[in-house]
N, C-alpha and C. Protein backbone atom coordinates (compact mmCIF):
# COMPACT_ATOMS: atom_id res chain seq x y z
N MET A 1 71.82 81.02 160.77
CA MET A 1 73.06 81.61 160.34
C MET A 1 73.70 80.79 159.23
N GLY A 2 73.53 79.47 159.29
CA GLY A 2 74.10 78.59 158.29
C GLY A 2 73.51 78.81 156.92
N LYS A 3 72.18 79.08 156.86
CA LYS A 3 71.54 79.29 155.57
C LYS A 3 72.00 80.59 154.92
N SER A 4 72.17 81.65 155.70
CA SER A 4 72.58 82.93 155.11
C SER A 4 74.01 82.87 154.59
N VAL A 5 74.88 82.17 155.26
CA VAL A 5 76.26 82.02 154.79
C VAL A 5 76.27 81.24 153.48
N SER A 6 75.52 80.18 153.39
CA SER A 6 75.50 79.39 152.16
C SER A 6 74.86 80.17 151.01
N ARG A 7 73.87 81.01 151.30
CA ARG A 7 73.25 81.85 150.25
C ARG A 7 74.25 82.89 149.74
N VAL A 8 74.98 83.51 150.66
CA VAL A 8 75.99 84.51 150.26
C VAL A 8 77.08 83.84 149.43
N LEU A 9 77.52 82.67 149.86
CA LEU A 9 78.54 81.94 149.12
C LEU A 9 78.04 81.55 147.73
N ALA A 10 76.82 81.08 147.64
CA ALA A 10 76.24 80.71 146.34
C ALA A 10 76.10 81.93 145.44
N ALA A 11 75.67 83.04 145.99
CA ALA A 11 75.52 84.27 145.19
C ALA A 11 76.87 84.76 144.70
N THR A 12 77.91 84.66 145.54
CA THR A 12 79.25 85.09 145.15
C THR A 12 79.80 84.22 144.03
N LEU A 13 79.63 82.92 144.16
CA LEU A 13 80.10 82.01 143.11
C LEU A 13 79.36 82.24 141.79
N PHE A 14 78.05 82.47 141.86
CA PHE A 14 77.26 82.73 140.66
C PHE A 14 77.74 84.03 139.98
N ALA A 15 77.94 85.08 140.76
CA ALA A 15 78.39 86.36 140.19
C ALA A 15 79.77 86.22 139.56
N GLY A 16 80.65 85.45 140.19
CA GLY A 16 81.98 85.23 139.63
C GLY A 16 81.93 84.47 138.32
N ALA A 17 81.07 83.46 138.26
CA ALA A 17 80.94 82.67 137.04
C ALA A 17 80.38 83.51 135.90
N VAL A 18 79.40 84.34 136.18
CA VAL A 18 78.83 85.22 135.15
C VAL A 18 79.88 86.22 134.68
N GLY A 19 80.66 86.76 135.60
CA GLY A 19 81.71 87.72 135.23
C GLY A 19 82.76 87.10 134.33
N ILE A 20 83.12 85.86 134.58
CA ILE A 20 84.11 85.18 133.75
C ILE A 20 83.56 84.92 132.36
N CYS A 21 82.31 84.54 132.25
CA CYS A 21 81.71 84.24 130.95
C CYS A 21 81.50 85.49 130.11
N VAL A 22 81.29 86.63 130.74
CA VAL A 22 80.99 87.86 130.01
C VAL A 22 82.25 88.66 129.70
N ALA A 23 83.35 88.41 130.40
CA ALA A 23 84.57 89.20 130.23
C ALA A 23 85.09 89.07 128.80
N PRO A 24 85.48 90.19 128.16
CA PRO A 24 85.99 90.13 126.80
C PRO A 24 87.40 89.56 126.75
N ASN A 25 87.77 88.99 125.62
CA ASN A 25 89.10 88.44 125.42
C ASN A 25 90.02 89.56 124.96
N ALA A 26 91.01 89.91 125.74
CA ALA A 26 91.88 91.04 125.43
C ALA A 26 93.04 90.66 124.53
N THR A 27 93.30 89.39 124.31
CA THR A 27 94.44 88.97 123.50
C THR A 27 93.97 88.40 122.17
N ALA A 28 93.42 89.23 121.33
CA ALA A 28 92.93 88.79 120.03
C ALA A 28 94.10 88.70 119.05
N ALA A 29 94.07 87.70 118.18
CA ALA A 29 95.10 87.54 117.17
C ALA A 29 94.90 88.58 116.06
N PRO A 30 96.00 89.00 115.39
CA PRO A 30 95.83 89.97 114.31
C PRO A 30 95.00 89.37 113.18
N SER A 31 94.25 90.20 112.52
CA SER A 31 93.46 89.76 111.37
C SER A 31 93.75 90.70 110.22
N ILE A 32 93.12 90.45 109.10
CA ILE A 32 93.33 91.30 107.94
C ILE A 32 92.88 92.74 108.22
N TYR A 33 91.98 92.90 109.18
CA TYR A 33 91.49 94.23 109.51
C TYR A 33 92.35 94.92 110.57
N GLU A 34 93.20 94.16 111.24
CA GLU A 34 94.09 94.73 112.25
C GLU A 34 95.50 94.22 112.00
N PRO A 35 96.20 94.74 111.00
CA PRO A 35 97.54 94.22 110.71
C PRO A 35 98.52 94.55 111.83
N SER A 36 99.51 93.70 111.97
CA SER A 36 100.57 93.90 112.94
C SER A 36 101.77 94.47 112.18
N ILE A 37 102.21 95.66 112.56
CA ILE A 37 103.34 96.32 111.91
C ILE A 37 104.40 96.54 112.98
N THR A 38 105.57 95.90 112.81
CA THR A 38 106.63 96.02 113.80
C THR A 38 107.95 96.36 113.12
N PRO A 39 108.80 97.16 113.77
CA PRO A 39 110.13 97.45 113.22
C PRO A 39 110.96 96.16 113.16
N CYS A 40 111.67 95.94 112.07
CA CYS A 40 112.49 94.73 111.98
C CYS A 40 113.78 94.95 111.18
N SER A 41 114.35 96.14 111.27
CA SER A 41 115.62 96.40 110.60
C SER A 41 116.73 95.47 111.07
N HIS A 42 116.62 94.99 112.31
CA HIS A 42 117.65 94.12 112.88
C HIS A 42 117.75 92.77 112.17
N GLN A 43 116.78 92.43 111.35
CA GLN A 43 116.80 91.15 110.64
C GLN A 43 117.56 91.23 109.32
N PHE A 44 118.08 92.41 108.98
CA PHE A 44 118.72 92.61 107.69
C PHE A 44 120.09 93.25 107.86
N ARG A 45 120.93 93.08 106.86
CA ARG A 45 122.25 93.71 106.79
C ARG A 45 122.49 94.09 105.34
N THR A 46 123.37 95.03 105.11
CA THR A 46 123.72 95.36 103.73
C THR A 46 124.63 94.26 103.19
N PRO A 47 124.73 94.11 101.88
CA PRO A 47 125.57 93.04 101.32
C PRO A 47 127.05 93.25 101.60
N PHE A 48 127.45 94.45 102.02
CA PHE A 48 128.85 94.75 102.27
C PHE A 48 129.25 94.54 103.73
N GLU A 49 128.27 94.26 104.59
CA GLU A 49 128.55 93.97 106.00
C GLU A 49 128.84 92.48 106.16
N PRO A 50 129.62 92.13 107.18
CA PRO A 50 129.84 90.70 107.42
C PRO A 50 128.53 90.00 107.80
N ALA A 51 128.42 88.75 107.43
CA ALA A 51 127.21 87.98 107.73
C ALA A 51 127.03 87.83 109.24
N ARG A 52 125.78 87.98 109.69
CA ARG A 52 125.42 87.76 111.09
C ARG A 52 124.35 86.68 111.12
N PRO A 53 124.36 85.85 112.15
CA PRO A 53 123.34 84.79 112.23
C PRO A 53 121.92 85.39 112.26
N GLY A 54 121.03 84.81 111.49
CA GLY A 54 119.64 85.23 111.50
C GLY A 54 119.33 86.47 110.67
N THR A 55 120.28 86.92 109.85
CA THR A 55 120.03 88.11 109.03
C THR A 55 120.10 87.74 107.55
N SER A 56 119.39 88.52 106.75
CA SER A 56 119.42 88.39 105.30
C SER A 56 120.05 89.65 104.72
N ALA A 57 120.68 89.50 103.56
CA ALA A 57 121.25 90.66 102.88
C ALA A 57 120.13 91.44 102.22
N TYR A 58 120.22 92.75 102.29
CA TYR A 58 119.20 93.61 101.68
C TYR A 58 119.88 94.61 100.76
N TRP A 59 119.57 94.53 99.50
CA TRP A 59 120.16 95.38 98.48
C TRP A 59 119.29 96.61 98.27
N SER A 60 119.67 97.70 98.92
CA SER A 60 118.89 98.93 98.86
C SER A 60 119.83 100.14 98.94
N PRO A 61 119.53 101.21 98.20
CA PRO A 61 120.35 102.42 98.33
C PRO A 61 120.15 103.12 99.67
N PHE A 62 119.15 102.71 100.44
CA PHE A 62 118.84 103.35 101.72
C PHE A 62 119.38 102.56 102.91
N GLY A 63 120.17 101.52 102.68
CA GLY A 63 120.69 100.71 103.78
C GLY A 63 119.60 99.86 104.40
N THR A 64 119.66 99.70 105.71
CA THR A 64 118.67 98.86 106.39
C THR A 64 117.83 99.67 107.38
N ALA A 65 117.77 100.96 107.22
CA ALA A 65 116.98 101.81 108.12
C ALA A 65 115.50 101.75 107.77
N ASP A 66 114.65 101.92 108.77
CA ASP A 66 113.19 102.05 108.61
C ASP A 66 112.53 100.88 107.88
N ILE A 67 112.92 99.65 108.23
CA ILE A 67 112.28 98.46 107.69
C ILE A 67 111.24 97.98 108.69
N VAL A 68 110.05 97.62 108.18
CA VAL A 68 108.99 97.09 109.04
C VAL A 68 108.53 95.74 108.51
N CYS A 69 108.08 94.90 109.45
CA CYS A 69 107.44 93.63 109.12
C CYS A 69 105.93 93.88 109.19
N TYR A 70 105.23 93.53 108.15
CA TYR A 70 103.79 93.78 108.01
C TYR A 70 103.09 92.43 107.97
N ASP A 71 102.32 92.12 109.02
CA ASP A 71 101.61 90.84 109.10
C ASP A 71 100.12 91.10 109.17
N ALA A 72 99.41 90.74 108.10
CA ALA A 72 97.96 90.93 108.05
C ALA A 72 97.23 89.61 108.30
N GLY A 73 97.92 88.61 108.83
CA GLY A 73 97.29 87.36 109.17
C GLY A 73 97.48 86.25 108.15
N PHE A 74 98.07 86.54 107.01
CA PHE A 74 98.27 85.50 106.00
C PHE A 74 99.70 85.45 105.49
N GLY A 75 100.63 85.95 106.27
CA GLY A 75 102.05 85.94 105.91
C GLY A 75 102.67 87.29 106.18
N VAL A 76 103.98 87.28 106.36
CA VAL A 76 104.70 88.51 106.68
C VAL A 76 105.32 89.08 105.41
N SER A 77 105.11 90.38 105.19
CA SER A 77 105.76 91.11 104.12
C SER A 77 106.68 92.14 104.75
N HIS A 78 107.68 92.58 104.00
CA HIS A 78 108.62 93.56 104.50
C HIS A 78 108.56 94.81 103.63
N TYR A 79 108.63 95.97 104.29
CA TYR A 79 108.60 97.25 103.60
C TYR A 79 109.65 98.16 104.20
N GLN A 80 110.18 99.06 103.37
CA GLN A 80 111.14 100.05 103.84
C GLN A 80 110.65 101.44 103.46
N ARG A 81 110.80 102.36 104.41
CA ARG A 81 110.43 103.75 104.15
C ARG A 81 111.69 104.51 103.77
N ASP A 82 111.65 105.18 102.62
CA ASP A 82 112.82 105.94 102.18
C ASP A 82 112.83 107.32 102.83
N PRO A 83 113.93 108.08 102.70
CA PRO A 83 114.00 109.40 103.34
C PRO A 83 112.93 110.38 102.85
N GLY A 84 112.37 110.15 101.66
CA GLY A 84 111.32 111.01 101.13
C GLY A 84 109.92 110.66 101.62
N GLY A 85 109.80 109.57 102.40
CA GLY A 85 108.51 109.17 102.95
C GLY A 85 107.77 108.11 102.16
N GLN A 86 108.31 107.65 101.05
CA GLN A 86 107.68 106.61 100.25
C GLN A 86 107.99 105.23 100.83
N TRP A 87 107.02 104.30 100.75
CA TRP A 87 107.20 102.93 101.19
C TRP A 87 107.56 102.07 99.99
N HIS A 88 108.54 101.17 100.18
CA HIS A 88 108.98 100.28 99.12
C HIS A 88 108.85 98.84 99.59
N ALA A 89 108.24 98.00 98.75
CA ALA A 89 108.15 96.58 99.06
C ALA A 89 109.53 95.95 98.92
N MET A 90 109.80 94.94 99.72
CA MET A 90 111.05 94.21 99.65
C MET A 90 110.75 92.83 99.07
N ASN A 91 111.49 92.45 98.03
CA ASN A 91 111.25 91.18 97.36
C ASN A 91 112.45 90.27 97.55
N GLN A 92 112.19 89.00 97.89
CA GLN A 92 113.25 88.01 98.03
C GLN A 92 113.31 87.21 96.73
N LEU A 93 114.26 87.54 95.88
CA LEU A 93 114.39 86.84 94.60
C LEU A 93 115.35 85.68 94.69
N ILE A 94 116.35 85.80 95.55
CA ILE A 94 117.32 84.74 95.82
C ILE A 94 117.25 84.47 97.31
N PRO A 95 117.20 83.22 97.75
CA PRO A 95 117.11 82.95 99.20
C PRO A 95 118.20 83.68 100.00
N GLY A 96 117.76 84.39 101.03
CA GLY A 96 118.69 85.14 101.88
C GLY A 96 119.07 86.50 101.34
N ASN A 97 118.50 86.90 100.19
CA ASN A 97 118.80 88.20 99.58
C ASN A 97 117.50 88.89 99.21
N TYR A 98 117.29 90.06 99.79
CA TYR A 98 116.10 90.86 99.49
C TYR A 98 116.52 92.04 98.63
N PHE A 99 115.63 92.43 97.73
CA PHE A 99 115.88 93.55 96.83
C PHE A 99 114.75 94.55 96.94
N ILE A 100 115.07 95.83 96.79
CA ILE A 100 114.07 96.88 96.91
C ILE A 100 113.25 96.97 95.63
N ASN A 101 111.97 97.23 95.79
CA ASN A 101 111.09 97.54 94.66
C ASN A 101 111.25 99.04 94.41
N ILE A 102 111.68 99.42 93.23
CA ILE A 102 111.98 100.83 92.99
C ILE A 102 110.74 101.71 92.98
N PHE A 103 109.57 101.13 92.78
CA PHE A 103 108.35 101.91 92.80
C PHE A 103 107.86 102.04 94.23
N GLY A 104 107.58 103.27 94.65
CA GLY A 104 107.17 103.52 96.03
C GLY A 104 105.67 103.72 96.15
N TYR A 105 105.18 103.60 97.39
CA TYR A 105 103.78 103.82 97.72
C TYR A 105 103.69 104.94 98.75
N ASN A 106 102.58 105.66 98.75
CA ASN A 106 102.39 106.72 99.74
C ASN A 106 102.08 106.17 101.13
N HIS A 107 101.55 104.94 101.20
CA HIS A 107 101.17 104.35 102.48
C HIS A 107 101.34 102.84 102.40
N LEU A 108 101.34 102.19 103.52
CA LEU A 108 101.39 100.73 103.56
C LEU A 108 100.03 100.18 103.10
N PRO A 109 100.01 98.99 102.53
CA PRO A 109 98.74 98.43 102.03
C PRO A 109 97.85 97.97 103.19
N ALA A 110 97.10 98.86 103.76
CA ALA A 110 96.22 98.51 104.88
C ALA A 110 94.78 98.78 104.55
C-alpha cells in the first residue's frame, strides 16, 4: 500500500509541474503590435477652467471630450476624436499645454 501511495503522489506532482511549465502567460505587456488605447479625457482641462492637480490645459475647439491615450510600447501619445469622426494628434509645445493638430486622420496609427 505504501508503494502505490508514493507512486500516485509522484505522478500528481509530476503532472502539476508539467502543467505549470506549459501554461501560457496571460499578462503580456503591450507591444507595437498590440497597442493599449485607453480613455484619458480626465487628464486634461480647457484653458478657461480652473487648474486641477494632475491636469494639463488643452487648446481645442472640441473641449476635452473623446481623448485617448495611445501606448504602442515606446511612449504615450494623445489623440482626440472630433464630432465628425476624425482623429487629431495632440502636441505639447509648451509644458503643461497641449494643442490640437488641425489635420485629422481617419483612424488611429495602428
